[in-house]
Each structure stands twice: as C-alpha cells, then as structure tokens.
Amino acid sequence: MAGPRSPHTGFRVPRPAAFGADPGGERMARIRRSPHFRDGVFQNPGGAARTRPSGSAREFAKVYFDRASRLSRAPLGTVPVHATTLADLARPPASGLRITWAGHSGVLTEIDGQRVLFDPVWGERCSPFPFAGPKRLHPVPLPLASLGPVDVVVISHDHYDHLDMPTIKALAGTDTLFAVPLGVGAHLEHWGVSPARLRELDWHESTRVGGLTLTATPARHFCGRGLRNTQHTLWASWVVAGERHRVYHSGDTGYFDGFREIGAAHGPFDATMIQLGAYSDFWPDIHMTPEEGVRAHLDLQGGRPGGVLLPIHWGTFNLAPHAWAEPAEWTKDAAGEAGQAVAFPRPGEPFEPAGRLPEEPWWRAVSQPLAHPWRRARRAEGAAEASRGDLDLAGER
C-alpha cells in the first residue's frame, strides 16, 4: 500500500502493512459523533493524561540504559512455560469459568460455554518490523491453531503489544468475531477481516455474542501505530458478562476513579485481568503499578476483596525500566496485605477462579533478587510506633 508522498523526491514512501489503516468515511463520521472525541482527538477520563515520558530524555536514558537496570529487565534463565494442549482446553471447565494466560495481556477466557480471546499477540516481536523492537522473553505456550474455536476476539487498543498483525491475519481465516474499540476496525479490515465480523464500540456500548454481553468501558491510555499518531482510535477496558459469570479485562490504563464506577455498573467480577506491568515514574498516567492494580481490583469489587485478580502485561516483553519479575513480586505483597486472592499461573497454565489457584512464585527461580523498599519503611514505622507506646506507658507509670 502506498503511503504519504515524500516532500523531497516526489516518490511515495511505502507504508508498512503493520501500521494498519486510518479510519475514514462513515467510521470517521461516527468517531466525530462520539461524546469522548473532542478537539480532533479522543479524550481521557479524568482529564488529560501525559502520554510521553515526563522529565528529561537524559534522565530517562540514564535509567533505561544503566547496565544493572538492563540486566534486571530479563529473566536469568528459561521462563517455565506450561505446555497447554488442545486436550486440556477441550474439556469444559467444571465451574463454567476457566482462564488461560498466554503471556503479556493475552488471555483465553472460557465463560459460560463460550470462548473469548483478549489481546492475542502470537508474534515474535511487538513491533511493525520483524527485525527490530521488543522480542519475546518466552515462547508462546501453544500454537494459535491449538486454541481451538474462539467465539470472539477482544482488542483493548491498537498498540503493537496488544494488536498484532500476524495474529489477526491468522484469526481472519477463522469464523471468530472481533470486538474492538471505535476506530480500531480500520486496522482489522486492512488485514483481511470482513466488516460483517466486526463489533466496533464506543465506551459504554455493548454487543451480544451468543449468551455473552460484551461492554467497552473507559480506560486511561492512548493509541497509535504509525509515525503519525492521529489519536483517532479509541482505547478501552472490557466487561464480559455471561449467565453465571462476569470478568473484566483492563487493557492498558493508568489508575483513575472510573474503576469504582465500572464496578458499580457491571460488577462484582469473578475474575479481573489487570495491567500492572510496564509502569514507570516517567509515565505514571497511562500504566499502573502493582499497588495501583490491586487498588483498581478492589474498586471494581465494590471496595472489598473478592473474586480473583490475574496480573497481566508483565513477563513477556521488556517495555519499561523496572525489573522483569518486579510486577509479580510486588503484586504478591500488595494483594497479601489487602487479603485479596491472586492467581500467578505460568504462561499457558489454565485455572478456574472457583477452584485451586496457581499461587507458587515460580518467577523467583529465574529472577534476580528483588527489592521490597516499603518493607524497610514499614518496619521503621512499626518501631517508631512501638517506641512511642513505650514512652506512653512510662508516662502512665
């Protein structure tokens, strides 16, 4: 496909197919009618979010390219991947709800007799180019074809680590439907998905797929695949509700008050899949830390522990300065303090939220030792409180 004309040579520069396509025609007209589209771009809930790294480029480079930091961002050995088989997934879940984390944000959810695949990325890199960009830190747990039939593929937004052209092209040859945020359908049509198989939603809109209701809900993030980011495709979190079960997938998002509203309207949930990796102080508005991820889950559950939290968006690609296994380790601590159940499956390991959860900290075998800075602070606080108590008792005597 030809791209924009070069201002110097007069020749057209080829546009990589992985860039996708910009919305146009009736799709663009619908985007302009959206209450969330203003001043030529989609707007975030809670006000503008910083989508570019804050601080100086020098400070970011100093952190990102520091040798010790670089070494910590990859596993020390082979990541233990569960060898999921088609036979594993052919047996219906006993409880009616089974979840299989494929790595990063890709999750197969079998819910009330139907199969939903969130943000599938089976490609080797999350990049428009096969020779550059973040590469997998572990292999896919099973071939895409071994998943078996999928009723609907749900996409949260159009970034490369969530919307993967090779994966979509492979799924375009099946009978699956695709539920996507407003504008994202332009990419899928460009890659061969029939418009009849697209369900393109604005926030708070729903669609029915068999016995499931899928609702696009707000998130605090941004979009874009090409060199020119037009902000003309929406980003979303998703609620999937069946007759007996409800699940939530956060996509990518910063923490915001909207989690409470989503929980009040659609919760509580049997399971939430929450982004809590690739965070940094350089972009605090668009990704959540583990502590924020646990807080978001509690908000979605009405302010109290409930259901099961599945951490996603970590372990598969190196996308931020934090240590590779830090999201899992810190989530374990934060959830433990809150009394919240968390599943820590190996990539490809199916589990049922109503059954025995995978809780072993398997990452420790292939991770450098991880810091827990708040533990020292809390011990100091505890010692200070004990000291004050001793003084109070001495005063009473």
Foldseek 3Di string as FASTA:
>chain_A
DWDDADPPPRDTDRDQLLQFDFDDDPLLVVLVVDPQAPPQAGAAPPGHFDAFFDDDPVVQCCLQVDPVLVVLAAWQDAFDADQDFLVNLVDQDPVQWKWAFQAFQWIWIRHNNAIETFQDDQQQALASDNPDHWGWRHHGNDDPVRNDDHAEYEFQASRSSRDPLVVLLVCLPDPHAYEYERRCVSRSVSSRHDPVRYHYYHAQDWDDGPQKIKGWHGAFAFHGRDPDRSNSTHGTKMWIDGPPFIETERRWHAADLCLLVQLVVHDDGQEYEFEAPLDDPRRRGTHHHLLSRVVSNCSSNVNAADHEYEYHRAQTTRRHSHGRCVRVVVNVVNCVVRVHHYADDRRGDMDGRVDDGHDDSSSVVGGDDDDDVVVVVVVVVVVVVVVVVVVVVVVVD
